[in-house]
Protein backbone atom coordinates (compact mmCIF):
# COMPACT_ATOMS: atom_id res chain seq x y z
CA MET A 1 -1.06 8.67 1.65
CA ASN A 2 1.57 7.95 -0.95
CA ALA A 3 5.28 8.27 -1.66
CA ILE A 4 4.93 11.89 -2.81
CA VAL A 5 3.73 12.91 0.65
CA LEU A 6 6.76 11.18 2.21
CA VAL A 7 9.18 12.88 -0.20
CA ASP A 8 7.66 16.29 0.50
CA ASP A 9 7.78 15.74 4.28
CA LEU A 10 11.43 14.67 4.05
CA VAL A 11 12.31 17.75 1.99
CA LYS A 12 10.84 20.02 4.69
CA HIS A 13 12.51 18.12 7.52
CA ILE A 14 15.93 18.03 5.84
CA GLN A 15 15.71 21.77 5.11
CA GLU A 16 15.31 22.34 8.85
CA ILE A 17 18.16 19.97 9.74
CA ILE A 18 20.75 21.66 7.49
CA LYS A 19 19.48 25.24 7.27
CA GLU A 20 22.38 26.66 9.28
CA TYR A 21 25.14 24.50 7.80
CA ASP A 22 26.98 26.82 5.40
CA LEU A 23 29.24 25.27 2.79
CA THR A 24 31.36 26.69 -0.02
CA THR A 25 29.98 27.26 -3.49
CA LYS A 26 31.59 27.75 -6.88
CA VAL A 27 31.74 31.49 -6.24
CA GLU A 28 34.71 32.34 -4.03
CA GLY A 29 33.65 33.85 -0.72
CA PHE A 30 29.99 32.85 -1.16
CA ASN A 31 28.78 30.20 1.27
CA LYS A 32 25.27 28.83 1.73
CA SER A 33 23.39 25.93 3.25
CA PRO A 34 22.49 23.08 0.88
CA SER A 35 19.33 23.55 -1.17
CA VAL A 36 16.89 20.65 -0.81
CA TYR A 37 14.85 19.45 -3.79
CA ALA A 38 12.22 16.77 -4.41
CA GLY A 39 13.04 14.39 -7.25
CA TYR A 40 15.66 16.16 -9.35
CA LEU A 41 17.65 19.35 -9.58
CA PRO A 42 15.69 22.19 -11.17
CA PRO A 43 16.65 23.20 -14.70
CA LYS A 44 19.62 25.53 -14.99
CA GLU A 45 19.00 29.17 -15.70
CA ASP A 46 20.21 30.41 -19.07
CA ASN A 47 23.83 30.77 -18.03
CA ASN A 48 25.47 29.13 -21.05
CA GLY A 49 25.24 25.79 -19.25
CA GLU A 50 27.58 26.99 -16.50
CA LEU A 51 26.88 26.10 -12.89
CA THR A 52 25.70 28.95 -10.72
CA PRO A 53 26.35 29.35 -6.97
CA ASN A 54 22.88 27.95 -6.37
CA ASP A 55 23.76 24.56 -7.86
CA TYR A 56 26.03 23.45 -5.03
CA PRO A 57 25.63 22.39 -2.29
CA PHE A 58 22.37 20.45 -2.62
CA VAL A 59 20.37 17.49 -1.37
CA ILE A 60 17.88 15.71 -3.61
CA VAL A 61 15.15 13.57 -2.02
CA ARG A 62 14.28 10.95 -4.64
CA PHE A 63 11.62 8.25 -4.62
CA LEU A 64 13.08 4.91 -5.74
CA THR A 65 10.63 2.05 -5.21
CA ASP A 66 7.37 1.06 -3.58
CA ASP A 67 7.40 -2.62 -2.67
CA ASP A 68 3.87 -3.62 -1.63
CA ASN A 69 3.62 -7.18 -0.35
CA ILE A 70 -0.01 -8.24 -0.15
CA ASP A 71 0.35 -10.01 3.22
CA SER A 72 2.78 -7.63 4.90
CA GLU A 73 3.78 -4.00 5.12
CA ASP A 74 4.36 -1.68 2.20
CA MET A 75 8.05 -0.67 1.93
CA LEU A 76 9.12 2.61 0.32
CA ALA A 77 12.75 3.19 -0.70
CA ILE A 78 14.04 6.76 -0.78
CA ARG A 79 17.46 7.92 -1.96
CA LEU A 80 19.12 11.15 -0.97
CA VAL A 81 21.68 12.50 -3.43
CA ILE A 82 24.13 14.90 -1.80
CA GLY A 83 26.34 17.28 -3.76
CA THR A 84 28.93 19.68 -2.37
CA HIS A 85 31.71 21.89 -3.71
CA SER A 86 35.28 22.04 -2.40
CA GLU A 87 38.58 22.95 -4.02
CA ASP A 88 40.37 20.75 -1.47
CA ASP A 89 41.27 17.59 -3.43
CA GLN A 90 42.25 15.71 -0.29
CA ASN A 91 39.40 16.63 2.07
CA GLY A 92 36.50 17.75 -0.13
CA TRP A 93 34.68 14.48 0.49
CA ARG A 94 34.28 15.40 4.15
CA ASP A 95 31.51 17.91 3.40
CA VAL A 96 29.35 15.18 1.84
CA VAL A 97 29.89 12.94 4.86
CA ASN A 98 29.11 15.79 7.27
CA VAL A 99 25.86 16.67 5.47
CA ALA A 100 24.87 12.98 5.39
CA SER A 101 25.65 12.56 9.09
CA ARG A 102 23.54 15.56 10.09
CA ILE A 103 20.64 14.31 7.99
CA LYS A 104 20.92 10.77 9.35
CA ILE A 105 20.85 11.98 12.96
CA GLY A 106 17.89 14.29 12.27
CA ILE A 107 15.88 11.59 10.51
CA MET A 108 16.65 8.96 13.14
CA GLU A 109 15.55 11.35 15.91
CA LYS A 110 12.15 11.83 14.26
CA ARG A 111 11.69 8.40 12.59
CA ILE A 112 7.95 8.90 11.90
CA PHE A 113 6.76 11.05 9.00
CA GLY A 114 2.97 10.99 8.91
CA PRO A 115 2.02 7.33 8.45
CA PHE A 116 5.56 6.38 7.30
CA VAL A 117 8.06 4.85 9.73
CA LEU A 118 11.80 4.66 9.16
CA THR A 119 12.91 1.03 9.16
CA GLY A 120 15.86 -1.19 8.35
CA LYS A 121 19.29 0.24 7.77
CA ILE A 122 20.46 3.61 6.53
CA GLN A 123 23.23 3.22 4.00
CA THR A 124 25.50 6.12 3.03
CA GLU A 125 28.00 5.86 0.19
CA LEU A 126 30.42 8.22 -1.53
CA PHE A 127 30.78 7.89 -5.27
CA GLU A 128 34.03 6.13 -6.13
CA GLU A 129 34.83 8.64 -8.88
CA GLN A 130 34.37 12.29 -7.98
CA LEU A 131 34.05 15.22 -10.41
CA ARG A 132 36.35 17.47 -8.39
CA PRO A 133 35.78 20.16 -7.18
CA PHE A 134 32.24 18.73 -6.97
CA TRP A 135 31.72 15.90 -4.49
CA HIS A 136 28.77 13.49 -4.39
CA GLY A 137 27.30 10.75 -2.27
CA ILE A 138 24.02 8.96 -1.67
CA MET A 139 22.03 7.85 1.33
CA ASP A 140 19.40 5.13 1.05
CA LEU A 141 16.45 5.03 3.45
CA ASN A 142 13.55 2.61 3.84
CA PHE A 143 10.13 3.39 5.29
CA ASN A 144 7.19 1.19 6.21
CA ALA A 145 3.81 2.43 5.06
CA PRO A 146 0.39 1.31 6.24
CA GLN A 147 -1.02 -1.74 4.49
CA ILE A 148 -4.02 -1.01 2.27
CA GLN A 149 -7.03 -2.80 3.68
CA SER A 150 -9.17 -4.82 1.30
CA GLU A 151 -12.90 -4.26 1.25
CA VAL A 152 -13.34 -7.94 0.50
CA GLU A 153 -13.10 -10.50 3.30
CA TRP A 154 -10.87 -13.45 2.37
């Protein structure tokens, strides 16, 4: 089992958590639940570089680090990048926080994803500078993974 399996499991689980949470998009009157991607946003369609309604809202599940200590557990760090759209300059940030809160609750309820176990703290942060009407935040998660067993006796 490796980090890719964890990322893919998180993508599926997060899709279930937020599948009925409709948010605004760039297209007036068109709402949708956030799309969930592994790693990075997919390339834009040939639309002269313009964002399409499918760009926002989104959640990206991104592998950050694998910290394998020989005498203790393997620790995987995962970052969620959350992007939403809102024309409300005063309250647009709330959508990011609401998406993050739903995800946090859903992940904490499950906690175990195959051999990976949620551990430590969950840290959520809004970006200080926002590209209004697009709003962004991150959530950092840590998971323990099983220690690889040596074939050699020490």
